């Protein structure tokens, strides 16, 4: 039993409390308040030195296996021209001579002086070793000739592959990534997962909603994560990205959906997010709906009847309407009082869409870091959306309508960082849609827990809940909104224990051996 004291504890409950003492016993909170009862006065105490404590953060939408891979590999988001890109890649190759295929992440036309994406010919000048770079939004990739020559003919014949530019889109992209990841060893996969977990902990993240089911053949990433979640310190809630309900039921998972197979449209970066009115820079382009309404309805009805929680990617207003129609059809077919179905992203929510979503009791897993995304800057968004930009991620309007909103990173698209998300939510480019620091905190704490039915055990600092909390260097409720990005995570506590790095704990070999025993060659 331990007493944590000398801090401002912010509960994040519906009726928020700020108190002085928290007592933990057996990994759970047993007391919170301003006056310490006599029975606790002799217990070990931990002085938090006038810092601030909030519930541990969550990330409500992350591609964790992919993030972990790129977190340990080659990230090219910060290069500012193709010359620097070449230097970065050649240095990486020199330091990783055993890698047969180089997979990098993060190229953007908006961060380089060339103001365009690299193409096959550009990559051929950098290296003759097989190289693929995934676009910053995670929905396309480009390869050099050496990589393209290794691809099976079926992938190269897919209409999503552009042989002139070397770019892979849609199904060609998914299949190309699946093909490449066959070369990644299992020990390397688990080592990456451990390093990724350490990164999340450094940002105060304890609850992770991860979408899996792309990038590995036979959906092995789903099984990797199910096993790895047993040894990783955070709590992981897995969403299987598939339209095949039986795949999920066979694994006895309670959730289905995410992006990729469950993406109803594309993204703004590729100008294929589905819109009701044409893009401002191309009056012939309405984006792309990847499925018919009948197909989406059929999926939602089957998944809802099976008792699954359903999550679907919808960015543009046309895709959001398609998701709303599907959820409406599913809940009319088989009403459920507490389904907590999710629209992921929901970037362009009109007033009418917000009202429909609230009536259907849907949840929204959004990403406020998109509001300040260097790889996809506001100037670009304004050029393609025009006046619709003011309706991008309308936080205050959605909260006012009673929608349950929770925040996340969509990593590896943006790096997991709840502080960045809180800052963006409180400093919305449209000031009318900014929210308070307390509401922004709730997007990463109790609301994240609610989206995975975990609110009875985590998400607030309350008696009976897990003693999972973050120590911040300052109190976000007493700071100007413009300064919230200066907040720092001092420590993360999980079940009352201070988190330390997992390096040298031997978990990589343990997880690998467990997986090998379960899935013998």
Protein backbone atom coordinates (compact mmCIF):
# COMPACT_ATOMS: atom_id res chain seq x y z
CA UNK A 1 0.00 0.00 0.00
CA UNK A 2 1.39 3.40 -1.01
CA UNK A 3 0.36 7.02 -0.64
CA UNK A 4 0.97 9.40 -3.55
CA UNK A 5 1.01 12.99 -2.37
CA UNK A 6 2.09 16.55 -3.07
CA UNK A 7 0.45 16.78 -6.48
CA UNK A 8 -2.72 18.09 -8.07
CA UNK A 9 -4.70 14.95 -8.95
CA UNK A 10 -7.25 15.55 -11.74
CA UNK A 11 -9.89 12.81 -11.72
CA UNK A 12 -11.42 13.40 -15.21
CA UNK A 13 -14.75 12.09 -13.89
CA UNK A 14 -18.02 13.52 -15.20
CA UNK A 15 -18.01 15.73 -12.11
CA UNK A 16 -14.31 16.42 -12.12
CA UNK A 17 -12.42 16.57 -8.82
CA UNK A 18 -8.97 17.92 -8.05
CA UNK A 19 -7.56 16.41 -4.86
CA UNK A 20 -4.32 16.05 -2.89
CA UNK A 21 -3.88 12.36 -2.04
CA UNK A 22 -4.18 9.05 -3.87
CA UNK A 23 -3.68 5.70 -2.12
CA UNK A 24 -2.90 2.55 -4.10
CA UNK A 25 -3.13 -1.05 -2.88
CA UNK A 26 -2.67 -4.16 -4.99
CA UNK A 27 -2.57 -2.14 -8.19
CA UNK A 28 -5.89 -0.40 -7.56
CA UNK A 29 -6.91 2.98 -6.19
CA UNK A 30 -8.36 2.62 -2.68
CA UNK A 31 -8.60 6.28 -1.65
CA UNK A 32 -8.70 9.73 -3.22
CA UNK A 33 -9.22 12.99 -1.38
CA UNK A 34 -7.85 16.06 0.39
CA UNK A 35 -7.65 14.64 3.92
CA UNK A 36 -5.73 11.41 4.50
CA UNK A 37 -7.65 8.99 6.81
CA UNK A 38 -5.70 7.76 9.87
CA UNK A 39 -5.48 4.16 8.64
CA UNK A 40 -3.17 5.25 5.82
CA UNK A 41 -0.80 7.58 7.65
CA UNK A 42 1.80 4.88 8.39
CA UNK A 43 1.99 3.65 4.79
CA UNK A 44 4.89 4.24 2.42
CA UNK A 45 4.50 7.61 0.75
CA UNK A 46 5.75 8.91 -2.58
CA UNK A 47 6.25 12.65 -2.90
CA UNK A 48 5.42 13.86 -6.42
CA UNK A 49 7.06 17.26 -5.91
CA UNK A 50 4.22 19.61 -6.81
CA UNK A 51 3.52 17.99 -10.15
CA UNK A 52 0.15 17.10 -11.66
CA UNK A 53 -1.43 13.66 -12.01
CA UNK A 54 -4.06 12.61 -14.55
CA UNK A 55 -5.40 9.18 -15.55
CA UNK A 56 -3.08 7.30 -17.89
CA UNK A 57 -3.66 8.22 -21.51
CA UNK A 58 -5.16 6.10 -24.24
CA UNK A 59 -4.79 6.08 -28.02
CA UNK A 60 -8.07 5.18 -29.69
CA UNK A 61 -6.75 4.45 -33.17
CA UNK A 62 -3.26 3.18 -33.89
CA UNK A 63 -1.84 0.64 -36.34
CA UNK A 64 0.46 -0.65 -33.64
CA UNK A 65 2.29 -3.38 -35.57
CA UNK A 66 3.01 -0.95 -38.39
CA UNK A 67 3.97 1.84 -36.02
CA UNK A 68 6.31 -0.48 -34.11
CA UNK A 69 7.97 -1.55 -37.36
CA UNK A 70 8.60 2.00 -38.59
CA UNK A 71 9.47 3.28 -35.12
CA UNK A 72 12.41 0.86 -35.16
CA UNK A 73 13.24 1.40 -38.81
CA UNK A 74 13.54 4.12 -41.38
CA UNK A 75 11.37 7.22 -40.85
CA UNK A 76 11.78 9.86 -43.56
CA UNK A 77 9.07 12.31 -42.46
CA UNK A 78 11.53 15.06 -41.61
CA UNK A 79 13.61 15.21 -44.82
CA UNK A 80 13.24 18.48 -46.72
CA UNK A 81 14.45 17.45 -50.18
CA UNK A 82 15.27 14.36 -52.24
CA UNK A 83 19.00 14.80 -51.67
CA UNK A 84 18.50 14.49 -47.91
CA UNK A 85 16.18 11.54 -48.53
CA UNK A 86 18.97 9.79 -50.42
CA UNK A 87 21.51 10.49 -47.68
CA UNK A 88 19.13 9.13 -45.02
CA UNK A 89 18.43 5.95 -46.96
CA UNK A 90 22.07 5.25 -47.85
CA UNK A 91 23.14 5.77 -44.24
CA UNK A 92 20.43 3.38 -43.08
CA UNK A 93 21.51 0.74 -45.60
CA UNK A 94 25.13 1.05 -44.48
CA UNK A 95 24.11 0.50 -40.86
CA UNK A 96 21.67 -2.35 -41.59
CA UNK A 97 23.55 -4.56 -44.04
CA UNK A 98 21.54 -7.69 -43.24
CA UNK A 99 18.25 -6.22 -44.42
CA UNK A 100 17.34 -7.57 -47.85
CA UNK A 101 14.48 -5.13 -48.48
CA UNK A 102 14.40 -1.55 -47.18
CA UNK A 103 10.97 -0.37 -46.09
CA UNK A 104 10.69 3.32 -45.14
CA UNK A 105 7.82 5.54 -44.08
CA UNK A 106 6.64 9.10 -44.37
CA UNK A 107 7.26 10.68 -47.77
CA UNK A 108 5.13 13.77 -48.41
CA UNK A 109 4.98 16.28 -51.24
CA UNK A 110 4.36 19.05 -48.71
CA UNK A 111 7.64 18.82 -46.79
CA UNK A 112 10.20 18.72 -49.60
CA UNK A 113 11.39 21.55 -51.81
CA UNK A 114 10.53 19.53 -54.94
CA UNK A 115 6.82 19.78 -53.93
CA UNK A 116 6.08 16.35 -55.31
CA UNK A 117 6.26 12.74 -54.24
CA UNK A 118 9.33 10.69 -55.20
CA UNK A 119 8.91 8.28 -58.08
CA UNK A 120 10.55 5.07 -59.21
CA UNK A 121 13.26 6.95 -61.13
CA UNK A 122 14.12 9.07 -58.08
CA UNK A 123 14.55 5.99 -55.90
CA UNK A 124 16.65 4.24 -58.57
CA UNK A 125 19.18 7.06 -58.21
CA UNK A 126 19.43 6.42 -54.46
CA UNK A 127 20.05 2.66 -54.37
CA UNK A 128 19.90 -0.53 -56.39
CA UNK A 129 18.85 -2.43 -53.27
CA UNK A 130 15.09 -3.16 -53.11
CA UNK A 131 13.44 -0.08 -51.54
CA UNK A 132 9.85 0.86 -50.79
CA UNK A 133 8.67 4.08 -49.13
CA UNK A 134 5.15 4.22 -47.68
CA UNK A 135 3.35 7.54 -48.07
CA UNK A 136 2.83 9.59 -44.88
CA UNK A 137 -0.90 8.77 -44.72
CA UNK A 138 -0.24 5.01 -44.88
CA UNK A 139 -2.46 4.42 -47.93
CA UNK A 140 0.06 4.11 -50.78
CA UNK A 141 3.74 3.43 -51.44
CA UNK A 142 6.43 3.78 -54.08
CA UNK A 143 9.16 1.31 -55.03
CA UNK A 144 12.40 1.41 -56.97
CA UNK A 145 13.08 -0.90 -59.91
CA UNK A 146 14.91 -3.45 -57.77
CA UNK A 147 11.88 -3.84 -55.53
CA UNK A 148 9.37 -3.85 -58.38
CA UNK A 149 11.33 -6.59 -60.13
CA UNK A 150 10.88 -8.80 -57.04
CA UNK A 151 7.09 -8.39 -57.01
CA UNK A 152 4.84 -11.23 -58.20
CA UNK A 153 3.21 -10.67 -61.58
CA UNK A 154 -0.27 -10.58 -60.03
CA UNK A 155 0.62 -7.49 -57.98
CA UNK A 156 2.17 -5.73 -60.96
CA UNK A 157 -0.95 -6.52 -63.04
CA UNK A 158 -3.25 -4.98 -60.43
CA UNK A 159 -4.81 -1.70 -61.64
CA UNK A 160 -3.59 -0.07 -58.43
CA UNK A 161 0.03 -0.29 -59.60
CA UNK A 162 1.43 2.49 -61.80
CA UNK A 163 4.43 1.03 -63.62
CA UNK A 164 5.67 4.42 -64.83
CA UNK A 165 5.85 6.10 -61.41
CA UNK A 166 6.38 2.95 -59.33
CA UNK A 167 3.45 3.81 -57.05
CA UNK A 168 1.20 1.18 -55.46
CA UNK A 169 -2.37 2.14 -54.54
CA UNK A 170 -5.40 0.39 -53.05
CA UNK A 171 -5.23 -3.42 -53.32
CA UNK A 172 -1.84 -3.32 -55.06
CA UNK A 173 -0.46 -1.46 -52.04
CA UNK A 174 -1.87 -3.92 -49.49
CA UNK A 175 -0.58 -6.91 -51.44
CA UNK A 176 2.86 -5.36 -51.96
CA UNK A 177 3.25 -4.68 -48.25
CA UNK A 178 2.10 -8.21 -47.42
CA UNK A 179 4.72 -9.57 -49.82
CA UNK A 180 7.54 -7.49 -48.35
CA UNK A 181 6.81 -8.25 -44.71
CA UNK A 182 7.32 -11.96 -45.33
CA UNK A 183 11.03 -11.20 -45.08
CA UNK A 184 10.77 -9.80 -41.53
CA UNK A 185 11.83 -12.37 -38.92
CA UNK A 186 9.60 -13.12 -35.95
CA UNK A 187 12.25 -12.10 -33.38
CA UNK A 188 12.53 -8.76 -35.20
CA UNK A 189 8.74 -8.34 -35.12
CA UNK A 190 8.58 -8.88 -31.36
CA UNK A 191 11.63 -6.71 -30.73
CA UNK A 192 9.89 -3.91 -32.63
CA UNK A 193 6.70 -4.39 -30.60
CA UNK A 194 8.64 -4.03 -27.35
CA UNK A 195 10.37 -0.87 -28.57
CA UNK A 196 7.04 0.51 -29.73
CA UNK A 197 5.54 -0.21 -26.33
CA UNK A 198 8.38 1.70 -24.67
CA UNK A 199 7.69 4.65 -26.95
CA UNK A 200 4.00 4.68 -26.00
CA UNK A 201 4.91 4.57 -22.32
CA UNK A 202 7.20 7.59 -22.75
CA UNK A 203 4.11 9.49 -23.88
CA UNK A 204 2.00 8.30 -20.93
CA UNK A 205 -0.10 5.83 -22.93
CA UNK A 206 -1.50 2.79 -21.11
CA UNK A 207 -4.58 1.82 -23.17
CA UNK A 208 -4.18 1.11 -26.88
CA UNK A 209 -6.89 0.49 -29.47
CA UNK A 210 -4.90 -1.14 -32.24
CA UNK A 211 -6.20 -2.00 -35.70
CA UNK A 212 -4.56 -5.05 -37.20
CA UNK A 213 -5.03 -7.28 -40.22
CA UNK A 214 -2.93 -5.77 -42.99
CA UNK A 215 0.77 -5.92 -43.80
CA UNK A 216 1.27 -9.59 -42.91
CA UNK A 217 0.19 -12.69 -44.82
CA UNK A 218 -2.57 -14.86 -43.33
CA UNK A 219 -3.50 -12.04 -40.92
CA UNK A 220 -0.56 -13.06 -38.74
CA UNK A 221 -0.28 -9.57 -37.30
CA UNK A 222 -3.61 -10.15 -35.54
CA UNK A 223 -2.22 -13.29 -33.92
CA UNK A 224 1.12 -11.55 -33.18
CA UNK A 225 -0.77 -8.86 -31.29
CA UNK A 226 -3.04 -11.26 -29.43
CA UNK A 227 0.01 -13.05 -28.10
CA UNK A 228 2.20 -9.99 -27.59
CA UNK A 229 -0.56 -8.23 -25.66
CA UNK A 230 -0.12 -10.82 -22.92
CA UNK A 231 3.45 -9.68 -22.30
CA UNK A 232 3.38 -5.98 -23.12
CA UNK A 233 2.71 -3.60 -20.23
CA UNK A 234 -0.09 -1.60 -21.82
CA UNK A 235 -3.62 -2.91 -22.27
CA UNK A 236 -4.35 -3.57 -25.96
CA UNK A 237 -7.81 -3.76 -27.53
CA UNK A 238 -7.55 -5.33 -30.99
CA UNK A 239 -9.78 -4.33 -33.90
CA UNK A 240 -9.49 -6.83 -36.77
CA UNK A 241 -9.53 -4.95 -40.11
CA UNK A 242 -11.74 -7.26 -42.15
CA UNK A 243 -15.22 -7.46 -43.63
CA UNK A 244 -15.25 -11.21 -42.92
CA UNK A 245 -17.25 -11.55 -39.70
CA UNK A 246 -16.42 -15.25 -39.39
CA UNK A 247 -12.67 -14.51 -39.15
CA UNK A 248 -13.34 -12.45 -36.04
CA UNK A 249 -15.78 -14.89 -34.49
CA UNK A 250 -13.34 -17.79 -34.96
CA UNK A 251 -10.78 -15.86 -32.91
CA UNK A 252 -13.46 -14.95 -30.34
CA UNK A 253 -12.67 -11.27 -30.65
CA UNK A 254 -15.39 -8.78 -29.64
CA UNK A 255 -14.49 -6.08 -32.21
CA UNK A 256 -14.25 -5.74 -35.96
CA UNK A 257 -13.10 -2.95 -38.22
CA UNK A 258 -10.60 -0.17 -38.59
CA UNK A 259 -9.13 1.08 -41.86
CA UNK A 260 -8.00 -0.67 -45.08
CA UNK A 261 -10.65 -3.41 -45.56
CA UNK A 262 -13.03 -1.32 -43.46
CA UNK A 263 -12.18 2.00 -45.11
CA UNK A 264 -15.24 3.40 -46.87
CA UNK A 265 -13.16 6.05 -48.64
CA UNK A 266 -9.58 7.21 -49.05
CA UNK A 267 -7.89 10.25 -47.57
CA UNK A 268 -7.30 13.92 -48.26
CA UNK A 269 -3.63 13.37 -49.09
CA UNK A 270 -4.56 11.26 -52.12
CA UNK A 271 -7.67 13.36 -52.81
CA UNK A 272 -9.85 10.27 -52.71
CA UNK A 273 -11.74 10.94 -49.48
CA UNK A 274 -15.37 10.78 -50.67
CA UNK A 275 -17.12 14.16 -50.81
CA UNK A 276 -20.66 15.28 -51.56
CA UNK A 277 -19.37 18.31 -53.44
CA UNK A 278 -16.28 18.22 -55.69
CA UNK A 279 -12.78 19.05 -54.52
CA UNK A 280 -12.07 22.76 -54.84
CA UNK A 281 -9.03 22.15 -57.04
CA UNK A 282 -10.75 19.65 -59.35
CA UNK A 283 -14.45 20.04 -60.03
CA UNK A 284 -14.60 16.60 -61.63
CA UNK A 285 -13.36 14.83 -58.49
CA UNK A 286 -15.73 13.66 -55.74
CA UNK A 287 -13.24 11.21 -54.28
CA UNK A 288 -13.92 7.48 -54.05
CA UNK A 289 -16.35 5.29 -52.19
CA UNK A 290 -14.70 1.88 -52.09
CA UNK A 291 -17.94 -0.05 -51.52
CA UNK A 292 -21.56 0.25 -52.54
CA UNK A 293 -24.10 1.16 -49.89
CA UNK A 294 -25.54 -2.35 -50.12
CA UNK A 295 -22.12 -3.90 -49.40
CA UNK A 296 -21.52 -1.71 -46.36
CA UNK A 297 -25.05 -2.33 -45.06
CA UNK A 298 -24.60 -6.08 -45.43
CA UNK A 299 -21.33 -6.00 -43.47
CA UNK A 300 -22.74 -3.81 -40.69
CA UNK A 301 -25.88 -5.93 -40.36
CA UNK A 302 -23.92 -9.20 -40.11
CA UNK A 303 -21.41 -7.80 -37.61
CA UNK A 304 -24.09 -6.15 -35.49
CA UNK A 305 -26.21 -9.32 -35.41
CA UNK A 306 -23.10 -11.20 -34.23
CA UNK A 307 -22.84 -8.84 -31.26
CA UNK A 308 -19.58 -7.29 -32.43
CA UNK A 309 -18.49 -3.72 -31.91
CA UNK A 310 -18.04 -2.27 -35.40
CA UNK A 311 -15.58 0.45 -36.46
CA UNK A 312 -15.39 1.92 -39.97
CA UNK A 313 -13.03 4.49 -41.52
CA UNK A 314 -14.87 7.45 -43.06
CA UNK A 315 -13.15 10.77 -43.74
CA UNK A 316 -15.22 12.67 -46.30
CA UNK A 317 -18.84 13.69 -45.78
CA UNK A 318 -20.09 11.24 -48.43
CA UNK A 319 -18.32 8.34 -46.68
CA UNK A 320 -19.64 9.49 -43.31
CA UNK A 321 -23.16 9.44 -44.73
CA UNK A 322 -22.55 5.91 -46.03
CA UNK A 323 -21.41 4.80 -42.56
CA UNK A 324 -24.45 6.44 -40.93
CA UNK A 325 -26.77 4.71 -43.39
CA UNK A 326 -25.14 1.35 -42.67
CA UNK A 327 -25.29 1.71 -38.90
CA UNK A 328 -28.91 2.87 -39.18
CA UNK A 329 -29.77 -0.21 -41.24
CA UNK A 330 -27.94 -2.53 -38.83
CA UNK A 331 -29.59 -1.12 -35.71
CA UNK A 332 -33.04 -1.16 -37.32
CA UNK A 333 -32.44 -4.80 -38.22
CA UNK A 334 -31.17 -5.76 -34.75
CA UNK A 335 -31.48 -3.03 -32.10
CA UNK A 336 -28.77 -2.90 -29.43
CA UNK A 337 -28.84 -0.44 -26.57
CA UNK A 338 -25.10 -0.24 -25.88
CA UNK A 339 -23.31 -1.19 -29.08
CA UNK A 340 -20.69 1.61 -29.08
CA UNK A 341 -20.15 1.34 -32.82
CA UNK A 342 -17.44 3.71 -34.06
CA UNK A 343 -16.80 5.99 -37.00
CA UNK A 344 -13.03 6.44 -37.29
CA UNK A 345 -11.76 9.89 -38.37
CA UNK A 346 -15.14 11.54 -39.22
CA UNK A 347 -13.23 14.58 -40.46
CA UNK A 348 -16.05 16.38 -42.30
CA UNK A 349 -19.08 16.11 -40.04
CA UNK A 350 -21.98 18.36 -41.05
CA UNK A 351 -24.61 19.49 -38.54
CA UNK A 352 -27.02 16.92 -39.96
CA UNK A 353 -24.43 14.13 -39.74
CA UNK A 354 -23.64 15.04 -36.13
CA UNK A 355 -27.34 14.88 -35.25
CA UNK A 356 -27.76 11.50 -36.96
CA UNK A 357 -24.67 10.07 -35.25
CA UNK A 358 -25.90 11.25 -31.86
CA UNK A 359 -29.35 9.74 -32.47
CA UNK A 360 -27.71 6.41 -33.35
CA UNK A 361 -25.55 6.66 -30.19
CA UNK A 362 -22.36 6.26 -32.22
CA UNK A 363 -18.85 6.94 -30.96
CA UNK A 364 -16.20 8.88 -32.86
CA UNK A 365 -12.50 7.94 -32.83
CA UNK A 366 -10.89 11.11 -34.15
CA UNK A 367 -7.35 12.42 -34.50
CA UNK A 368 -6.86 16.06 -33.49
CA UNK A 369 -3.13 15.96 -34.46
CA UNK A 370 -4.40 16.08 -38.07
CA UNK A 371 -5.29 19.74 -37.40
CA UNK A 372 -1.55 20.55 -37.17
CA UNK A 373 -0.06 17.91 -39.46
CA UNK A 374 3.18 19.03 -41.09
CA UNK A 375 2.91 16.35 -43.76
CA UNK A 376 -0.58 17.57 -44.68
CA UNK A 377 -0.61 21.31 -43.90
CA UNK A 378 -3.66 23.51 -43.57
CA UNK A 379 -2.72 25.43 -46.73
CA UNK A 380 -3.02 22.23 -48.75
CA UNK A 381 -6.32 21.27 -47.10
CA UNK A 382 -7.74 24.71 -47.85
CA UNK A 383 -6.71 24.36 -51.50
CA UNK A 384 -8.69 21.12 -51.88
CA UNK A 385 -11.60 21.79 -49.49
CA UNK A 386 -12.10 25.56 -49.64
CA UNK A 387 -14.62 26.89 -47.08
CA UNK A 388 -15.32 23.33 -45.87
CA UNK A 389 -12.06 23.53 -43.96
CA UNK A 390 -13.83 25.32 -41.09
CA UNK A 391 -15.87 22.13 -40.52
CA UNK A 392 -12.81 19.89 -40.22
CA UNK A 393 -13.06 17.80 -37.01
CA UNK A 394 -15.78 19.97 -35.40
CA UNK A 395 -14.99 19.06 -31.79
CA UNK A 396 -17.17 21.48 -29.88
CA UNK A 397 -20.19 20.85 -32.10
CA UNK A 398 -19.88 17.10 -31.67
CA UNK A 399 -19.45 17.30 -27.90
CA UNK A 400 -22.39 19.69 -27.62
CA UNK A 401 -24.56 17.16 -29.46
CA UNK A 402 -23.71 14.51 -26.87
CA UNK A 403 -21.43 12.37 -29.00
CA UNK A 404 -18.76 10.30 -27.26
CA UNK A 405 -15.45 11.42 -28.76
CA UNK A 406 -12.04 9.92 -28.11
CA UNK A 407 -8.67 10.97 -29.50
CA UNK A 408 -5.78 9.10 -31.05
CA UNK A 409 -2.85 9.32 -33.42
CA UNK A 410 -3.54 7.00 -36.39
CA UNK A 411 0.14 6.10 -35.95
CA UNK A 412 2.34 5.71 -37.85
CA UNK A 413 0.64 8.59 -39.71
CA UNK A 414 1.25 10.92 -36.77
CA UNK A 415 3.43 9.91 -33.85
CA UNK A 416 1.53 8.86 -30.72
CA UNK A 417 1.51 11.92 -28.46
CA UNK A 418 -1.55 12.76 -26.33
CA UNK A 419 -0.03 16.11 -25.36
CA UNK A 420 0.01 17.10 -29.05
CA UNK A 421 -3.60 15.94 -29.33
CA UNK A 422 -4.67 17.95 -26.30
CA UNK A 423 -2.93 21.05 -27.63
CA UNK A 424 -4.64 20.71 -31.02
CA UNK A 425 -8.07 20.18 -29.45
CA UNK A 426 -7.72 23.35 -27.36
CA UNK A 427 -6.30 25.40 -30.26
CA UNK A 428 -8.53 24.37 -33.14
CA UNK A 429 -7.82 26.36 -36.32
CA UNK A 430 -11.51 27.28 -36.20
CA UNK A 431 -11.71 28.90 -32.73
CA UNK A 432 -15.44 28.11 -32.53
CA UNK A 433 -14.57 24.41 -32.41
CA UNK A 434 -11.88 24.59 -29.70
CA UNK A 435 -12.65 22.80 -26.42
CA UNK A 436 -11.46 23.14 -22.82
CA UNK A 437 -8.35 21.47 -21.45
CA UNK A 438 -10.49 19.24 -19.23
CA UNK A 439 -12.59 18.05 -22.17
CA UNK A 440 -9.40 17.49 -24.17
CA UNK A 441 -7.97 15.40 -21.31
CA UNK A 442 -11.14 13.32 -21.28
CA UNK A 443 -10.71 12.55 -25.00
CA UNK A 444 -7.51 10.69 -24.05
CA UNK A 445 -8.62 9.17 -20.75
CA UNK A 446 -12.17 8.27 -19.75
CA UNK A 447 -13.60 8.55 -23.27
CA UNK A 448 -10.91 6.28 -24.65
CA UNK A 449 -11.87 3.76 -21.98
CA UNK A 450 -15.54 4.11 -22.89
CA UNK A 451 -14.85 3.30 -26.53
CA UNK A 452 -13.57 -0.13 -25.49
CA UNK A 453 -16.02 -0.77 -22.62
CA UNK A 454 -13.22 -0.25 -20.08
CA UNK A 455 -14.63 2.69 -18.12
CA UNK A 456 -15.44 0.57 -15.06
CA UNK A 457 -11.77 -0.26 -14.51
CA UNK A 458 -9.80 2.68 -15.96
CA UNK A 459 -9.99 6.16 -17.41
CA UNK A 460 -10.56 8.18 -14.24
CA UNK A 461 -8.82 8.53 -10.89
CA UNK A 462 -11.49 6.97 -8.71
CA UNK A 463 -11.61 4.36 -5.97
CA UNK A 464 -11.76 0.80 -7.26
CA UNK A 465 -10.08 1.56 -10.58
CA UNK A 466 -6.61 0.57 -11.72
CA UNK A 467 -3.83 2.80 -10.42
CA UNK A 468 -2.75 3.72 -13.95
CA UNK A 469 -1.79 7.38 -14.07
CA UNK A 470 0.52 9.91 -15.68
CA UNK A 471 2.63 12.45 -13.79
CA UNK A 472 2.85 15.74 -15.72
CA UNK A 473 5.30 18.51 -15.00
CA UNK A 474 2.53 21.15 -14.95
CA UNK A 475 -1.21 21.37 -14.41
CA UNK A 476 -2.96 21.63 -17.81
CA UNK A 477 -6.04 23.18 -16.20
CA UNK A 478 -3.97 26.14 -15.03
CA UNK A 479 -2.16 26.88 -18.30
CA UNK A 480 -3.01 29.09 -21.29
CA UNK A 481 -4.25 26.92 -24.15
CA UNK A 482 -1.42 28.20 -26.34
CA UNK A 483 1.15 26.75 -23.92
CA UNK A 484 -0.28 23.24 -23.61
CA UNK A 485 2.27 21.88 -26.07
CA UNK A 486 4.97 22.58 -23.46
CA UNK A 487 3.56 19.95 -21.09
CA UNK A 488 5.92 17.07 -20.37
CA UNK A 489 5.26 13.52 -19.21
CA UNK A 490 7.44 12.97 -16.16
CA UNK A 491 6.42 9.40 -15.34
CA UNK A 492 3.88 6.70 -16.11
CA UNK A 493 2.55 4.45 -13.35
CA UNK A 494 0.85 1.16 -14.20
CA UNK A 495 -1.00 -0.54 -11.35
CA UNK A 496 0.85 1.75 -8.97
CA UNK A 497 4.33 0.83 -10.26
CA UNK A 498 6.56 3.32 -12.05
CA UNK A 499 7.15 2.21 -15.61
CA UNK A 500 10.69 1.37 -16.68
CA UNK A 501 11.96 0.40 -20.11
CA UNK A 502 11.55 -3.24 -21.14
CA UNK A 503 15.05 -3.46 -22.58
CA UNK A 504 17.02 -6.52 -21.48
CA UNK A 505 13.99 -8.19 -19.92
CA UNK A 506 14.15 -11.15 -22.28
CA UNK A 507 10.57 -10.64 -23.42
CA UNK A 508 11.51 -10.80 -27.12
CA UNK A 509 12.68 -14.41 -26.90
CA UNK A 510 9.81 -15.33 -24.59
CA UNK A 511 7.19 -13.97 -26.99
CA UNK A 512 8.92 -15.51 -30.00
CA UNK A 513 9.11 -18.95 -28.38
CA UNK A 514 5.46 -18.76 -27.35
CA UNK A 515 4.38 -17.85 -30.88
CA UNK A 516 6.56 -20.55 -32.44
CA UNK A 517 5.05 -23.17 -30.11
CA UNK A 518 1.54 -22.07 -31.01
CA UNK A 519 2.22 -21.82 -34.74
CA UNK A 520 4.87 -24.47 -35.56
CA UNK A 521 6.34 -24.36 -39.04
